[in-house]
């Protein structure tokens, strides 16, 4: 399996390019997934990536911690068809609406309205 170092290194490369071009980078924490082919140890690696993103160990200007939402961010929440499509990966409209306040708050702190 791919180690957590690979996606984090990719993130750092992307962040450097985005910020070098003068853009603010907003990171959204990763949500659970249980599609038929999830990465090995996805939930463990998701937790590590999210904690590094939130703590500032990964470069970003702001974080929308959508994974902290009780309805959509806990392990196996992706099985709840109230908020997720039946693919076990993507949020439906109700799930996307859960994300909105997190994203709006971050945009407000960056002066975007």
Protein backbone atom coordinates (compact mmCIF):
# COMPACT_ATOMS: atom_id res chain seq x y z
CA UNK A 1 0.00 0.00 0.00
CA UNK A 2 0.93 3.63 -0.43
CA UNK A 3 2.24 5.17 2.78
CA UNK A 4 0.69 8.31 4.24
CA UNK A 5 3.90 10.11 3.26
CA UNK A 6 2.99 9.95 -0.45
CA UNK A 7 -0.34 11.83 -0.35
CA UNK A 8 1.09 14.28 2.18
CA UNK A 9 4.08 14.96 -0.08
CA UNK A 10 1.71 15.43 -3.01
CA UNK A 11 -0.34 17.86 -0.89
CA UNK A 12 2.76 19.86 0.01
CA UNK A 13 3.79 20.10 -3.66
CA UNK A 14 0.31 21.24 -4.69
CA UNK A 15 0.12 23.73 -1.80
CA UNK A 16 3.42 25.27 -2.81
CA UNK A 17 2.28 25.73 -6.39
CA UNK A 18 -1.10 27.20 -5.43
CA UNK A 19 0.36 29.62 -2.92
CA UNK A 20 3.21 30.61 -5.25
CA UNK A 21 0.54 31.69 -7.74
CA UNK A 22 -0.97 33.94 -5.07
CA UNK A 23 -3.99 31.86 -4.14
CA UNK A 24 -5.21 30.95 -0.66
CA UNK A 25 -5.44 27.22 -0.11
CA UNK A 26 -8.38 25.87 1.87
CA UNK A 27 -8.07 22.27 2.96
CA UNK A 28 -11.15 20.18 3.60
CA UNK A 29 -10.66 17.21 5.86
CA UNK A 30 -11.27 13.81 4.30
CA UNK A 31 -14.56 12.03 4.84
CA UNK A 32 -15.03 8.28 5.32
CA UNK A 33 -15.58 5.95 2.40
CA UNK A 34 -16.49 2.33 1.99
CA UNK A 35 -16.62 1.86 -1.75
CA UNK A 36 -15.75 -1.62 -3.02
CA UNK A 37 -12.08 -0.76 -3.52
CA UNK A 38 -11.01 1.55 -0.69
CA UNK A 39 -7.32 1.93 -0.04
CA UNK A 40 -5.85 -0.43 2.53
CA UNK A 41 -6.08 1.13 5.98
CA UNK A 42 -7.96 4.10 4.52
CA UNK A 43 -9.60 5.06 7.82
CA UNK A 44 -6.27 5.04 9.67
CA UNK A 45 -4.58 7.07 6.95
CA UNK A 46 -7.58 9.42 6.74
CA UNK A 47 -7.27 10.13 10.46
CA UNK A 48 -3.55 10.82 10.17
CA UNK A 49 -3.97 13.10 7.16
CA UNK A 50 -6.83 15.00 8.80
CA UNK A 51 -4.93 15.52 12.04
CA UNK A 52 -1.90 16.80 10.11
CA UNK A 53 -4.09 19.12 8.05
CA UNK A 54 -5.92 20.54 11.07
CA UNK A 55 -2.76 20.90 13.19
CA UNK A 56 -0.91 22.86 10.52
CA UNK A 57 1.67 20.16 9.81
CA UNK A 58 0.48 20.40 6.21
CA UNK A 59 0.64 23.73 4.39
CA UNK A 60 -2.68 25.53 4.01
CA UNK A 61 -4.19 28.94 4.63
CA UNK A 62 -7.32 27.61 6.30
CA UNK A 63 -9.12 24.36 7.07
CA UNK A 64 -12.77 23.45 6.77
CA UNK A 65 -12.94 20.49 9.14
CA UNK A 66 -15.95 18.85 7.55
CA UNK A 67 -14.92 15.48 9.00
CA UNK A 68 -15.76 16.83 12.45
CA UNK A 69 -19.46 16.93 11.50
CA UNK A 70 -21.19 14.15 13.42
CA UNK A 71 -23.53 13.34 10.55
CA UNK A 72 -20.92 12.81 7.82
CA UNK A 73 -17.43 12.55 9.31
CA UNK A 74 -17.32 9.48 11.53
CA UNK A 75 -16.27 6.00 10.41
CA UNK A 76 -19.17 4.31 8.61
CA UNK A 77 -21.17 7.55 8.24
CA UNK A 78 -20.76 6.96 4.52
CA UNK A 79 -23.22 4.07 4.87
CA UNK A 80 -26.00 6.50 5.87
CA UNK A 81 -28.01 7.17 2.73
CA UNK A 82 -29.50 10.23 4.41
CA UNK A 83 -26.25 12.04 3.61
CA UNK A 84 -24.34 9.84 1.15
CA UNK A 85 -25.04 8.33 -2.25
CA UNK A 86 -25.11 4.55 -2.27
CA UNK A 87 -21.56 4.44 -3.70
CA UNK A 88 -20.17 4.84 -0.17
CA UNK A 89 -18.05 7.80 -1.26
CA UNK A 90 -19.98 10.85 -2.43
CA UNK A 91 -22.24 13.11 -0.42
CA UNK A 92 -25.76 13.69 -1.66
CA UNK A 93 -27.42 17.10 -1.43
CA UNK A 94 -28.27 16.69 2.27
CA UNK A 95 -24.66 15.74 3.01
CA UNK A 96 -23.32 18.65 1.02
CA UNK A 97 -25.54 20.99 3.01
CA UNK A 98 -23.82 19.74 6.19
CA UNK A 99 -20.51 20.97 4.73
CA UNK A 100 -21.75 24.45 3.86
CA UNK A 101 -21.37 26.15 7.28
CA UNK A 102 -17.81 24.82 7.64
CA UNK A 103 -16.82 26.15 4.23
CA UNK A 104 -18.66 29.47 4.70
CA UNK A 105 -16.88 30.05 8.03
CA UNK A 106 -13.49 29.55 6.41
CA UNK A 107 -14.33 31.80 3.49
CA UNK A 108 -15.46 34.49 5.92
CA UNK A 109 -12.16 34.31 7.82
CA UNK A 110 -10.35 34.84 4.51
CA UNK A 111 -12.51 37.84 3.72
CA UNK A 112 -14.57 36.16 1.01
CA UNK A 113 -18.29 36.70 1.17
